Each structure stands twice: as C-alpha cells, then as structure tokens.
Amino acid sequence: MSDDESYQASSSPSRPSDVEPSQAHQYIRDEQEANYTEEERRRAVRVRHYERAAKRARVASPPPVKRESSPSSAEVTPPRSTAIQAKNATRKLYEPLGMLDSQTGDNTCVNHLIDEAVKSETPPDEIISQEEEFSQSDLEMEEQIRQLKARLELVVAERDQLQQECGEHVRNLRRVAAELNRWKDAAAQASALVKLAQQEIS
C-alpha cells in the first residue's frame, strides 16, 4: 500500500461533520476516489506525485519575471545622446536624394546619380560656347607660353652649369689657400731658425 493509500485509510473521517477545514480537500478527494478501481487509484496517486514534484520544482526555481508589453514611460530607458546625434546626422541621407535612399524612380538618390552621370558625359553649354569662341589670339598666347617655357629651361640649365663651375673654382681656391698656409708656416719656421742661428753667432 502506498503512502497516499495508507494516509487515506488512517486519516479519512467517517462523517462530513467530522471534517476539519484543513482536511476538506482530502475528504473531497476520498469521496471522488471511493468508486475508483485499483488501477485508477494508482493512476491518481501518480498524478498527485507528479503535481507535487512540479510544484517543488517551481518553488525551487521561480520563473523569470515577464516584462510588461507596454511599460510605463518611467521605465523606458532614454536613448543615449550619441545615438540621438547619429540619428540626426544621418537623417538626411535616408530622405529622397539622400545617399542612403535606395528607392528608384523620380526624385530618388538612384535617379539623381544616373542624371549626374549622364550629364557628366556632355560638356555644359558654357564650355561649348567657350570652345566655339576659341580664337587665334589664344593660339598665339599658347605659342608664347611654350617659347617662354623653353627659354626658362635654358636659363635653368645655364644656372646649373654656372653653379657647377663656381663650385669647381671654390674648390680650387680652397686648395690654393691651403697651399699658401703651408708655405706661410714653412716661412715662419725658417725665420725662427735664422733668428736662432744669429743669436748663437753673436
């Protein structure tokens, strides 16, 4: 006999008037299971066992608190200032003709970019008019510019040659100065020897 069956046999009251408030549930269950077969009674015992185990599991690990679907304004975390700045900075990019507007058709970024690409292949009207007004004086000016550029290149080449020659002259002068300094030192030494010899003779 199981624990539930022994408890039922030992604690079931004989009359409804003898039922205490704490045993009302037990009395009702005993009345319901009075006509059960042995198999049905065992099944009911197993069901109660599973219910008690599930209840203990729920008490041991309470379910997570569910968030309200529509929290109050006080519980809503306001967006950070950086997020607000980024949204405001990129807002125009998503508007029509914005760089992130991916829609096609009139007044969209794609259509605007296509128009710009087509326009870039054709010179503007003002450039065409300037090309038509290109005169002989402009050609003469270009020729003068070419001549001045060639003359400037000659001047630069002559300057480089003069710098090279001047550098060579400077190096020669330095060698001559070094040679003069050596002759000067030798003359000073000879003069000192002459004075020393005169002192010895006298």
N, C-alpha and C. Protein backbone atom coordinates (compact mmCIF):
# COMPACT_ATOMS: atom_id res chain seq x y z
N MET A 1 0.86 -1.19 0.00
CA MET A 1 0.00 0.00 0.00
C MET A 1 0.89 1.24 0.00
N SER A 2 0.54 2.22 -0.85
CA SER A 2 1.35 3.43 -0.96
C SER A 2 1.10 4.35 0.21
N ASP A 3 1.92 5.44 0.27
CA ASP A 3 1.76 6.41 1.35
C ASP A 3 0.41 7.08 1.28
N ASP A 4 -0.03 7.45 0.03
CA ASP A 4 -1.33 8.10 -0.10
C ASP A 4 -2.45 7.18 0.33
N GLU A 5 -2.35 5.88 0.00
CA GLU A 5 -3.42 4.95 0.37
C GLU A 5 -3.46 4.73 1.87
N SER A 6 -2.27 4.60 2.51
CA SER A 6 -2.25 4.42 3.97
C SER A 6 -2.75 5.67 4.67
N TYR A 7 -2.35 6.85 4.12
CA TYR A 7 -2.83 8.09 4.71
C TYR A 7 -4.34 8.19 4.57
N GLN A 8 -4.85 7.77 3.41
CA GLN A 8 -6.28 7.83 3.18
C GLN A 8 -7.02 6.89 4.14
N ALA A 9 -6.48 5.68 4.40
CA ALA A 9 -7.15 4.72 5.27
C ALA A 9 -7.11 5.15 6.71
N SER A 10 -6.03 5.84 7.12
CA SER A 10 -5.88 6.19 8.53
C SER A 10 -6.50 7.51 8.90
N SER A 11 -6.57 8.46 7.93
CA SER A 11 -6.99 9.81 8.28
C SER A 11 -8.31 10.21 7.69
N SER A 12 -8.95 9.35 6.90
CA SER A 12 -10.22 9.75 6.30
C SER A 12 -11.31 9.78 7.36
N PRO A 13 -12.03 10.87 7.50
CA PRO A 13 -13.10 10.96 8.51
C PRO A 13 -14.29 10.11 8.09
N SER A 14 -15.07 9.69 9.07
CA SER A 14 -16.24 8.84 8.80
C SER A 14 -17.45 9.64 8.40
N ARG A 15 -17.56 10.87 8.88
CA ARG A 15 -18.74 11.67 8.58
C ARG A 15 -18.31 13.05 8.11
N PRO A 16 -19.11 13.71 7.23
CA PRO A 16 -18.76 15.06 6.79
C PRO A 16 -18.67 16.06 7.93
N SER A 17 -19.45 15.84 9.01
CA SER A 17 -19.41 16.79 10.12
C SER A 17 -18.10 16.74 10.87
N ASP A 18 -17.38 15.59 10.74
CA ASP A 18 -16.11 15.46 11.42
C ASP A 18 -14.94 16.08 10.65
N VAL A 19 -15.20 16.58 9.44
CA VAL A 19 -14.13 17.11 8.60
C VAL A 19 -13.69 18.47 9.11
N GLU A 20 -12.39 18.60 9.33
CA GLU A 20 -11.83 19.90 9.69
C GLU A 20 -11.54 20.71 8.43
N PRO A 21 -11.48 22.03 8.56
CA PRO A 21 -11.21 22.85 7.36
C PRO A 21 -9.93 22.46 6.65
N SER A 22 -8.92 22.06 7.42
CA SER A 22 -7.65 21.70 6.79
C SER A 22 -7.72 20.37 6.06
N GLN A 23 -8.75 19.53 6.36
CA GLN A 23 -8.87 18.23 5.73
C GLN A 23 -10.00 18.18 4.71
N ALA A 24 -10.55 19.32 4.36
CA ALA A 24 -11.68 19.34 3.42
C ALA A 24 -11.25 18.81 2.05
N HIS A 25 -10.08 19.24 1.60
CA HIS A 25 -9.61 18.78 0.29
C HIS A 25 -9.40 17.27 0.29
N GLN A 26 -8.82 16.73 1.40
CA GLN A 26 -8.61 15.29 1.50
C GLN A 26 -9.93 14.53 1.49
N TYR A 27 -10.94 15.07 2.17
CA TYR A 27 -12.25 14.40 2.22
C TYR A 27 -12.90 14.38 0.84
N ILE A 28 -12.83 15.52 0.14
CA ILE A 28 -13.44 15.58 -1.20
C ILE A 28 -12.73 14.60 -2.14
N ARG A 29 -11.42 14.51 -2.02
CA ARG A 29 -10.69 13.59 -2.89
C ARG A 29 -11.03 12.15 -2.57
N ASP A 30 -11.18 11.85 -1.28
CA ASP A 30 -11.53 10.47 -0.91
C ASP A 30 -12.91 10.10 -1.41
N GLU A 31 -13.84 11.04 -1.35
CA GLU A 31 -15.18 10.77 -1.85
C GLU A 31 -15.16 10.53 -3.36
N GLN A 32 -14.33 11.31 -4.06
CA GLN A 32 -14.27 11.14 -5.51
C GLN A 32 -13.62 9.81 -5.90
N GLU A 33 -12.64 9.36 -5.11
CA GLU A 33 -11.92 8.14 -5.44
C GLU A 33 -12.51 6.89 -4.78
N ALA A 34 -13.65 7.04 -4.13
CA ALA A 34 -14.24 5.88 -3.43
C ALA A 34 -14.61 4.77 -4.39
N ASN A 35 -15.10 5.14 -5.55
CA ASN A 35 -15.55 4.15 -6.53
C ASN A 35 -14.47 3.84 -7.58
N TYR A 36 -13.24 4.32 -7.38
CA TYR A 36 -12.18 4.05 -8.33
C TYR A 36 -11.77 2.59 -8.25
N THR A 37 -11.33 2.09 -9.37
CA THR A 37 -10.70 0.77 -9.37
C THR A 37 -9.27 0.90 -8.87
N GLU A 38 -8.65 -0.24 -8.65
CA GLU A 38 -7.29 -0.21 -8.15
C GLU A 38 -6.34 0.49 -9.13
N GLU A 39 -6.54 0.24 -10.43
CA GLU A 39 -5.70 0.87 -11.44
C GLU A 39 -5.92 2.37 -11.49
N GLU A 40 -7.19 2.80 -11.40
CA GLU A 40 -7.49 4.24 -11.43
C GLU A 40 -6.93 4.93 -10.19
N ARG A 41 -6.97 4.22 -9.05
CA ARG A 41 -6.44 4.82 -7.82
C ARG A 41 -4.92 4.99 -7.92
N ARG A 42 -4.25 4.00 -8.47
CA ARG A 42 -2.81 4.12 -8.64
C ARG A 42 -2.46 5.25 -9.61
N ARG A 43 -3.26 5.39 -10.68
CA ARG A 43 -3.02 6.47 -11.63
C ARG A 43 -3.20 7.83 -10.95
N ALA A 44 -4.22 7.96 -10.10
CA ALA A 44 -4.44 9.22 -9.39
C ALA A 44 -3.29 9.53 -8.44
N VAL A 45 -2.75 8.46 -7.80
CA VAL A 45 -1.60 8.66 -6.91
C VAL A 45 -0.39 9.17 -7.70
N ARG A 46 -0.14 8.57 -8.87
CA ARG A 46 0.98 9.02 -9.70
C ARG A 46 0.80 10.47 -10.15
N VAL A 47 -0.44 10.84 -10.52
CA VAL A 47 -0.71 12.21 -10.94
C VAL A 47 -0.42 13.18 -9.80
N ARG A 48 -0.85 12.82 -8.57
CA ARG A 48 -0.58 13.72 -7.43
C ARG A 48 0.92 13.80 -7.15
N HIS A 49 1.62 12.69 -7.34
CA HIS A 49 3.07 12.70 -7.13
C HIS A 49 3.76 13.64 -8.13
N TYR A 50 3.35 13.55 -9.38
CA TYR A 50 3.93 14.44 -10.40
C TYR A 50 3.59 15.90 -10.11
N GLU A 51 2.37 16.17 -9.65
CA GLU A 51 1.97 17.55 -9.35
C GLU A 51 2.79 18.11 -8.20
N ARG A 52 3.02 17.26 -7.14
CA ARG A 52 3.84 17.73 -6.03
C ARG A 52 5.28 17.99 -6.47
N ALA A 53 5.83 17.10 -7.32
CA ALA A 53 7.20 17.30 -7.81
C ALA A 53 7.31 18.57 -8.65
N ALA A 54 6.30 18.80 -9.51
CA ALA A 54 6.32 20.01 -10.33
C ALA A 54 6.20 21.25 -9.47
N LYS A 55 5.39 21.16 -8.40
CA LYS A 55 5.23 22.32 -7.52
C LYS A 55 6.53 22.63 -6.80
N ARG A 56 7.22 21.58 -6.32
CA ARG A 56 8.51 21.81 -5.65
C ARG A 56 9.53 22.40 -6.62
N ALA A 57 9.49 21.94 -7.89
CA ALA A 57 10.43 22.49 -8.87
C ALA A 57 10.16 23.95 -9.15
N ARG A 58 8.87 24.32 -9.19
CA ARG A 58 8.54 25.74 -9.42
C ARG A 58 8.97 26.60 -8.25
N VAL A 59 8.83 26.08 -7.04
CA VAL A 59 9.25 26.85 -5.86
C VAL A 59 10.77 26.98 -5.83
N ALA A 60 11.48 25.90 -6.20
CA ALA A 60 12.94 25.93 -6.17
C ALA A 60 13.51 26.89 -7.20
N SER A 61 12.92 26.93 -8.38
CA SER A 61 13.40 27.83 -9.44
C SER A 61 12.23 28.62 -9.98
N PRO A 62 11.94 29.77 -9.38
CA PRO A 62 10.80 30.57 -9.84
C PRO A 62 11.00 31.03 -11.27
N PRO A 63 9.94 31.13 -12.02
CA PRO A 63 10.05 31.56 -13.42
C PRO A 63 10.52 33.00 -13.51
N PRO A 64 11.19 33.37 -14.60
CA PRO A 64 11.64 34.76 -14.76
C PRO A 64 10.47 35.71 -14.83
N VAL A 65 10.73 36.89 -14.31
CA VAL A 65 9.68 37.91 -14.31
C VAL A 65 9.45 38.38 -15.73
N LYS A 66 8.21 38.33 -16.15
CA LYS A 66 7.86 38.76 -17.51
C LYS A 66 7.76 40.27 -17.55
N ARG A 67 8.33 40.84 -18.57
CA ARG A 67 8.24 42.29 -18.75
C ARG A 67 6.89 42.65 -19.33
N GLU A 68 6.41 43.75 -18.91
CA GLU A 68 5.14 44.21 -19.44
C GLU A 68 5.30 44.58 -20.91
N SER A 69 4.29 44.27 -21.68
CA SER A 69 4.34 44.56 -23.11
C SER A 69 4.39 46.05 -23.39
N SER A 70 3.77 46.82 -22.53
CA SER A 70 3.77 48.27 -22.71
C SER A 70 4.20 48.92 -21.40
N PRO A 71 5.50 48.97 -21.13
CA PRO A 71 5.96 49.56 -19.87
C PRO A 71 5.65 51.04 -19.80
N SER A 72 5.60 51.51 -18.58
CA SER A 72 5.31 52.92 -18.38
C SER A 72 6.47 53.76 -18.85
N SER A 73 6.21 55.01 -19.05
CA SER A 73 7.24 55.92 -19.56
C SER A 73 8.40 56.07 -18.58
N ALA A 74 8.13 55.85 -17.28
CA ALA A 74 9.19 55.99 -16.29
C ALA A 74 10.20 54.85 -16.40
N GLU A 75 9.77 53.65 -16.92
CA GLU A 75 10.66 52.52 -17.01
C GLU A 75 11.43 52.48 -18.33
N VAL A 76 11.06 53.28 -19.30
CA VAL A 76 11.72 53.26 -20.60
C VAL A 76 13.07 53.97 -20.49
N THR A 77 14.14 53.29 -20.90
CA THR A 77 15.47 53.88 -20.86
C THR A 77 15.63 54.86 -22.02
N PRO A 78 15.90 56.12 -21.73
CA PRO A 78 16.03 57.09 -22.83
C PRO A 78 17.26 56.79 -23.67
N PRO A 79 17.22 57.08 -24.96
CA PRO A 79 18.38 56.83 -25.82
C PRO A 79 19.55 57.71 -25.42
N ARG A 80 20.75 57.20 -25.67
CA ARG A 80 21.94 57.97 -25.35
C ARG A 80 22.08 59.17 -26.28
N SER A 81 22.81 60.16 -25.81
CA SER A 81 22.99 61.38 -26.61
C SER A 81 23.72 61.08 -27.91
N THR A 82 24.66 60.12 -27.87
CA THR A 82 25.38 59.78 -29.11
C THR A 82 24.46 59.15 -30.14
N ALA A 83 23.50 58.34 -29.66
CA ALA A 83 22.55 57.73 -30.59
C ALA A 83 21.65 58.79 -31.22
N ILE A 84 21.24 59.77 -30.41
CA ILE A 84 20.40 60.84 -30.95
C ILE A 84 21.18 61.66 -31.97
N GLN A 85 22.44 61.97 -31.67
CA GLN A 85 23.25 62.73 -32.61
C GLN A 85 23.46 61.97 -33.92
N ALA A 86 23.73 60.66 -33.82
CA ALA A 86 23.92 59.86 -35.04
C ALA A 86 22.66 59.81 -35.87
N LYS A 87 21.52 59.69 -35.21
CA LYS A 87 20.25 59.65 -35.95
C LYS A 87 20.00 60.98 -36.65
N ASN A 88 20.25 62.07 -35.95
CA ASN A 88 20.05 63.38 -36.57
C ASN A 88 21.05 63.63 -37.69
N ALA A 89 22.27 63.11 -37.53
CA ALA A 89 23.29 63.35 -38.56
C ALA A 89 23.02 62.57 -39.84
N THR A 90 22.39 61.41 -39.71
CA THR A 90 22.15 60.57 -40.90
C THR A 90 20.72 60.67 -41.41
N ARG A 91 19.91 61.52 -40.80
CA ARG A 91 18.51 61.59 -41.22
C ARG A 91 18.38 62.00 -42.68
N LYS A 92 19.16 62.99 -43.09
CA LYS A 92 19.05 63.49 -44.47
C LYS A 92 19.52 62.46 -45.49
N LEU A 93 20.37 61.53 -45.06
CA LEU A 93 20.86 60.53 -46.02
C LEU A 93 19.76 59.57 -46.46
N TYR A 94 18.74 59.41 -45.62
CA TYR A 94 17.66 58.49 -45.96
C TYR A 94 16.49 59.20 -46.64
N GLU A 95 16.53 60.50 -46.71
CA GLU A 95 15.47 61.24 -47.38
C GLU A 95 15.65 61.14 -48.89
N PRO A 96 14.63 61.50 -49.67
CA PRO A 96 14.79 61.49 -51.14
C PRO A 96 16.01 62.30 -51.56
N LEU A 97 16.76 61.77 -52.49
CA LEU A 97 18.03 62.30 -52.99
C LEU A 97 19.16 62.13 -51.98
N GLY A 98 18.89 61.45 -50.84
CA GLY A 98 19.96 61.18 -49.89
C GLY A 98 20.80 60.01 -50.36
N MET A 99 22.04 59.93 -49.86
CA MET A 99 22.96 58.90 -50.32
C MET A 99 22.50 57.49 -49.94
N LEU A 100 21.70 57.34 -48.90
CA LEU A 100 21.22 56.03 -48.47
C LEU A 100 19.79 55.76 -48.91
N ASP A 101 19.25 56.60 -49.78
CA ASP A 101 17.92 56.37 -50.32
C ASP A 101 18.05 55.39 -51.48
N SER A 102 17.65 54.13 -51.25
CA SER A 102 17.84 53.08 -52.25
C SER A 102 16.65 52.93 -53.19
N GLN A 103 15.64 53.77 -53.06
CA GLN A 103 14.47 53.65 -53.94
C GLN A 103 14.82 54.16 -55.33
N THR A 104 14.15 53.60 -56.33
CA THR A 104 14.34 54.02 -57.71
C THR A 104 13.12 54.79 -58.18
N GLY A 105 13.33 55.61 -59.16
CA GLY A 105 12.23 56.41 -59.68
C GLY A 105 12.54 57.88 -59.60
N ASP A 106 11.55 58.70 -59.90
CA ASP A 106 11.75 60.14 -59.86
C ASP A 106 12.02 60.60 -58.43
N ASN A 107 12.85 61.63 -58.34
CA ASN A 107 13.17 62.26 -57.06
C ASN A 107 13.75 61.26 -56.06
N THR A 108 14.63 60.41 -56.50
CA THR A 108 15.33 59.47 -55.61
C THR A 108 16.82 59.62 -55.83
N CYS A 109 17.57 59.04 -54.91
CA CYS A 109 19.03 59.14 -55.00
C CYS A 109 19.56 58.43 -56.24
N VAL A 110 19.00 57.25 -56.55
CA VAL A 110 19.47 56.50 -57.72
C VAL A 110 19.24 57.29 -59.00
N ASN A 111 18.04 57.85 -59.13
CA ASN A 111 17.73 58.64 -60.31
C ASN A 111 18.63 59.88 -60.40
N HIS A 112 18.89 60.48 -59.25
CA HIS A 112 19.75 61.67 -59.22
C HIS A 112 21.17 61.33 -59.66
N LEU A 113 21.69 60.19 -59.17
CA LEU A 113 23.04 59.78 -59.55
C LEU A 113 23.13 59.45 -61.04
N ILE A 114 22.09 58.81 -61.57
CA ILE A 114 22.08 58.49 -63.01
C ILE A 114 22.06 59.77 -63.83
N ASP A 115 21.25 60.73 -63.41
CA ASP A 115 21.20 62.00 -64.14
C ASP A 115 22.55 62.69 -64.12
N GLU A 116 23.22 62.66 -62.96
CA GLU A 116 24.53 63.31 -62.87
C GLU A 116 25.54 62.61 -63.77
N ALA A 117 25.48 61.26 -63.84
CA ALA A 117 26.41 60.53 -64.70
C ALA A 117 26.17 60.83 -66.17
N VAL A 118 24.91 60.95 -66.54
CA VAL A 118 24.60 61.27 -67.94
C VAL A 118 25.02 62.69 -68.27
N LYS A 119 24.81 63.60 -67.33
CA LYS A 119 25.19 64.99 -67.58
C LYS A 119 26.70 65.13 -67.69
N SER A 120 27.46 64.32 -66.94
CA SER A 120 28.91 64.46 -66.97
C SER A 120 29.50 64.08 -68.32
N GLU A 121 28.78 63.28 -69.12
CA GLU A 121 29.28 62.90 -70.44
C GLU A 121 29.14 64.03 -71.45
N THR A 122 28.28 64.96 -71.22
CA THR A 122 28.05 66.08 -72.14
C THR A 122 28.60 67.35 -71.51
N PRO A 123 29.49 68.07 -72.19
CA PRO A 123 30.02 69.31 -71.62
C PRO A 123 28.90 70.33 -71.42
N PRO A 124 28.99 71.12 -70.38
CA PRO A 124 27.98 72.17 -70.18
C PRO A 124 27.96 73.16 -71.34
N ASP A 125 26.87 73.87 -71.44
CA ASP A 125 26.69 74.83 -72.54
C ASP A 125 27.76 75.92 -72.51
N GLU A 126 28.14 76.36 -71.31
CA GLU A 126 29.12 77.44 -71.26
C GLU A 126 30.48 76.99 -71.78
N ILE A 127 30.84 75.71 -71.54
CA ILE A 127 32.11 75.21 -72.07
C ILE A 127 32.06 75.12 -73.59
N ILE A 128 30.92 74.68 -74.12
CA ILE A 128 30.78 74.59 -75.58
C ILE A 128 30.91 75.97 -76.21
N SER A 129 30.29 76.96 -75.60
CA SER A 129 30.37 78.32 -76.14
C SER A 129 31.80 78.85 -76.07
N GLN A 130 32.51 78.52 -74.99
CA GLN A 130 33.90 78.97 -74.89
C GLN A 130 34.78 78.31 -75.94
N GLU A 131 34.51 77.03 -76.23
CA GLU A 131 35.29 76.36 -77.26
C GLU A 131 35.02 76.97 -78.64
N GLU A 132 33.80 77.37 -78.87
CA GLU A 132 33.48 77.98 -80.16
C GLU A 132 34.13 79.34 -80.30
N GLU A 133 34.34 80.03 -79.17
CA GLU A 133 34.94 81.36 -79.21
C GLU A 133 36.47 81.31 -79.12
N PHE A 134 37.04 80.11 -79.20
CA PHE A 134 38.49 79.97 -79.14
C PHE A 134 39.11 80.63 -80.37
N SER A 135 39.90 81.66 -80.20
CA SER A 135 40.38 82.49 -81.32
C SER A 135 41.88 82.27 -81.56
N GLN A 136 42.37 82.98 -82.61
CA GLN A 136 43.79 82.90 -82.96
C GLN A 136 44.67 83.50 -81.89
N SER A 137 44.15 84.48 -81.17
CA SER A 137 44.95 85.10 -80.11
C SER A 137 45.27 84.09 -79.01
N ASP A 138 44.34 83.18 -78.75
CA ASP A 138 44.60 82.14 -77.75
C ASP A 138 45.71 81.21 -78.22
N LEU A 139 45.71 80.89 -79.52
CA LEU A 139 46.78 80.05 -80.06
C LEU A 139 48.12 80.75 -79.96
N GLU A 140 48.14 82.05 -80.27
CA GLU A 140 49.38 82.81 -80.16
C GLU A 140 49.87 82.86 -78.72
N MET A 141 48.94 82.97 -77.79
CA MET A 141 49.33 83.01 -76.38
C MET A 141 49.95 81.67 -75.96
N GLU A 142 49.38 80.59 -76.45
CA GLU A 142 49.95 79.28 -76.13
C GLU A 142 51.36 79.14 -76.71
N GLU A 143 51.57 79.67 -77.93
CA GLU A 143 52.90 79.63 -78.53
C GLU A 143 53.89 80.44 -77.72
N GLN A 144 53.46 81.62 -77.25
CA GLN A 144 54.33 82.44 -76.42
C GLN A 144 54.68 81.71 -75.11
N ILE A 145 53.71 81.03 -74.57
CA ILE A 145 53.96 80.29 -73.33
C ILE A 145 54.98 79.19 -73.56
N ARG A 146 54.86 78.49 -74.69
CA ARG A 146 55.83 77.44 -74.99
C ARG A 146 57.24 78.01 -75.17
N GLN A 147 57.35 79.17 -75.85
CA GLN A 147 58.66 79.79 -76.03
C GLN A 147 59.26 80.23 -74.70
N LEU A 148 58.43 80.84 -73.87
CA LEU A 148 58.92 81.27 -72.56
C LEU A 148 59.36 80.08 -71.71
N LYS A 149 58.62 79.00 -71.82
CA LYS A 149 58.99 77.81 -71.07
C LYS A 149 60.32 77.24 -71.55
N ALA A 150 60.54 77.22 -72.89
CA ALA A 150 61.81 76.74 -73.43
C ALA A 150 62.96 77.64 -73.00
N ARG A 151 62.72 78.99 -73.03
CA ARG A 151 63.76 79.92 -72.60
C ARG A 151 64.08 79.73 -71.12
N LEU A 152 63.05 79.50 -70.34
CA LEU A 152 63.26 79.29 -68.91
C LEU A 152 64.07 78.02 -68.66
N GLU A 153 63.81 76.99 -69.45
CA GLU A 153 64.59 75.77 -69.30
C GLU A 153 66.06 76.01 -69.63
N LEU A 154 66.34 76.84 -70.66
CA LEU A 154 67.73 77.17 -70.99
C LEU A 154 68.39 77.94 -69.86
N VAL A 155 67.65 78.89 -69.29
CA VAL A 155 68.20 79.67 -68.18
C VAL A 155 68.53 78.77 -67.00
N VAL A 156 67.63 77.83 -66.73
CA VAL A 156 67.87 76.91 -65.61
C VAL A 156 69.09 76.04 -65.87
N ALA A 157 69.24 75.57 -67.12
CA ALA A 157 70.41 74.75 -67.46
C ALA A 157 71.69 75.56 -67.33
N GLU A 158 71.66 76.82 -67.78
CA GLU A 158 72.84 77.68 -67.66
C GLU A 158 73.17 77.96 -66.20
N ARG A 159 72.13 78.15 -65.41
CA ARG A 159 72.35 78.37 -63.98
C ARG A 159 73.02 77.15 -63.34
N ASP A 160 72.54 75.97 -63.68
CA ASP A 160 73.15 74.76 -63.11
C ASP A 160 74.61 74.62 -63.53
N GLN A 161 74.91 74.98 -64.80
CA GLN A 161 76.29 74.90 -65.26
C GLN A 161 77.17 75.89 -64.53
N LEU A 162 76.65 77.13 -64.34
CA LEU A 162 77.42 78.14 -63.61
C LEU A 162 77.66 77.71 -62.17
N GLN A 163 76.64 77.11 -61.56
CA GLN A 163 76.82 76.63 -60.19
C GLN A 163 77.91 75.57 -60.13
N GLN A 164 77.94 74.69 -61.13
CA GLN A 164 78.96 73.66 -61.15
C GLN A 164 80.35 74.26 -61.32
N GLU A 165 80.46 75.26 -62.24
CA GLU A 165 81.76 75.90 -62.46
C GLU A 165 82.19 76.67 -61.23
N CYS A 166 81.25 77.37 -60.61
CA CYS A 166 81.60 78.12 -59.39
C CYS A 166 82.06 77.18 -58.29
N GLY A 167 81.41 76.04 -58.20
CA GLY A 167 81.83 75.07 -57.20
C GLY A 167 83.25 74.58 -57.44
N GLU A 168 83.59 74.38 -58.72
CA GLU A 168 84.94 73.95 -59.05
C GLU A 168 85.95 75.04 -58.71
N HIS A 169 85.62 76.30 -59.03
CA HIS A 169 86.52 77.42 -58.69
C HIS A 169 86.70 77.53 -57.18
N VAL A 170 85.63 77.35 -56.45
CA VAL A 170 85.73 77.45 -54.98
C VAL A 170 86.65 76.36 -54.44
N ARG A 171 86.52 75.16 -54.98
CA ARG A 171 87.39 74.07 -54.53
C ARG A 171 88.86 74.38 -54.87
N ASN A 172 89.11 74.96 -56.07
CA ASN A 172 90.48 75.32 -56.43
C ASN A 172 91.04 76.39 -55.50
N LEU A 173 90.21 77.39 -55.19
CA LEU A 173 90.66 78.45 -54.28
C LEU A 173 90.98 77.89 -52.90
N ARG A 174 90.20 76.93 -52.45
CA ARG A 174 90.47 76.34 -51.14
C ARG A 174 91.79 75.58 -51.16
N ARG A 175 92.07 74.88 -52.28
CA ARG A 175 93.35 74.17 -52.36
C ARG A 175 94.52 75.17 -52.36
N VAL A 176 94.38 76.28 -53.12
CA VAL A 176 95.44 77.30 -53.15
C VAL A 176 95.64 77.91 -51.77
N ALA A 177 94.52 78.19 -51.07
CA ALA A 177 94.63 78.77 -49.73
C ALA A 177 95.34 77.81 -48.79
N ALA A 178 95.02 76.52 -48.90
CA ALA A 178 95.69 75.54 -48.04
C ALA A 178 97.19 75.49 -48.36
N GLU A 179 97.55 75.56 -49.66
CA GLU A 179 98.96 75.55 -50.04
C GLU A 179 99.68 76.79 -49.51
N LEU A 180 99.04 77.96 -49.61
CA LEU A 180 99.64 79.19 -49.08
C LEU A 180 99.85 79.10 -47.58
N ASN A 181 98.89 78.50 -46.90
CA ASN A 181 99.05 78.36 -45.44
C ASN A 181 100.25 77.48 -45.11
N ARG A 182 100.47 76.42 -45.92
CA ARG A 182 101.63 75.57 -45.66
C ARG A 182 102.93 76.35 -45.92
N TRP A 183 102.99 77.15 -47.04
CA TRP A 183 104.18 77.96 -47.31
C TRP A 183 104.39 79.00 -46.20
N LYS A 184 103.33 79.52 -45.71
CA LYS A 184 103.44 80.51 -44.64
C LYS A 184 104.02 79.88 -43.38
N ASP A 185 103.56 78.69 -43.05
CA ASP A 185 104.09 78.01 -41.87
C ASP A 185 105.59 77.68 -42.06
N ALA A 186 105.93 77.25 -43.29
CA ALA A 186 107.35 76.93 -43.56
C ALA A 186 108.22 78.18 -43.46
N ALA A 187 107.73 79.31 -43.96
CA ALA A 187 108.49 80.56 -43.88
C ALA A 187 108.66 80.99 -42.43
N ALA A 188 107.62 80.81 -41.62
CA ALA A 188 107.73 81.17 -40.21
C ALA A 188 108.76 80.30 -39.51
N GLN A 189 108.76 79.01 -39.83
CA GLN A 189 109.76 78.13 -39.22
C GLN A 189 111.18 78.52 -39.66
N ALA A 190 111.36 78.86 -40.95
CA ALA A 190 112.69 79.26 -41.44
C ALA A 190 113.15 80.55 -40.77
N SER A 191 112.23 81.49 -40.58
CA SER A 191 112.60 82.75 -39.92
C SER A 191 113.01 82.51 -38.48
N ALA A 192 112.33 81.57 -37.83
CA ALA A 192 112.69 81.27 -36.44
C ALA A 192 114.08 80.63 -36.37
N LEU A 193 114.39 79.77 -37.34
CA LEU A 193 115.72 79.15 -37.35
C LEU A 193 116.81 80.19 -37.61
N VAL A 194 116.53 81.15 -38.51
CA VAL A 194 117.52 82.20 -38.79
C VAL A 194 117.79 83.02 -37.54
N LYS A 195 116.76 83.39 -36.82
CA LYS A 195 116.94 84.18 -35.60
C LYS A 195 117.74 83.39 -34.57
N LEU A 196 117.46 82.08 -34.47
CA LEU A 196 118.19 81.26 -33.51
C LEU A 196 119.69 81.18 -33.88
N ALA A 197 119.96 81.07 -35.18
CA ALA A 197 121.37 81.00 -35.62
C ALA A 197 122.08 82.32 -35.36
N GLN A 198 121.44 83.43 -35.59
CA GLN A 198 122.05 84.75 -35.33
C GLN A 198 122.36 84.91 -33.85
N GLN A 199 121.49 84.42 -33.00
CA GLN A 199 121.73 84.54 -31.57
C GLN A 199 122.94 83.71 -31.15
N GLU A 200 123.09 82.53 -31.78
CA GLU A 200 124.23 81.69 -31.43
C GLU A 200 125.55 82.32 -31.92
N ILE A 201 125.51 82.94 -33.11
CA ILE A 201 126.73 83.56 -33.64
C ILE A 201 127.15 84.76 -32.78
N SER A 202 126.19 85.52 -32.36
CA SER A 202 126.52 86.70 -31.57
C SER A 202 126.87 86.30 -30.13
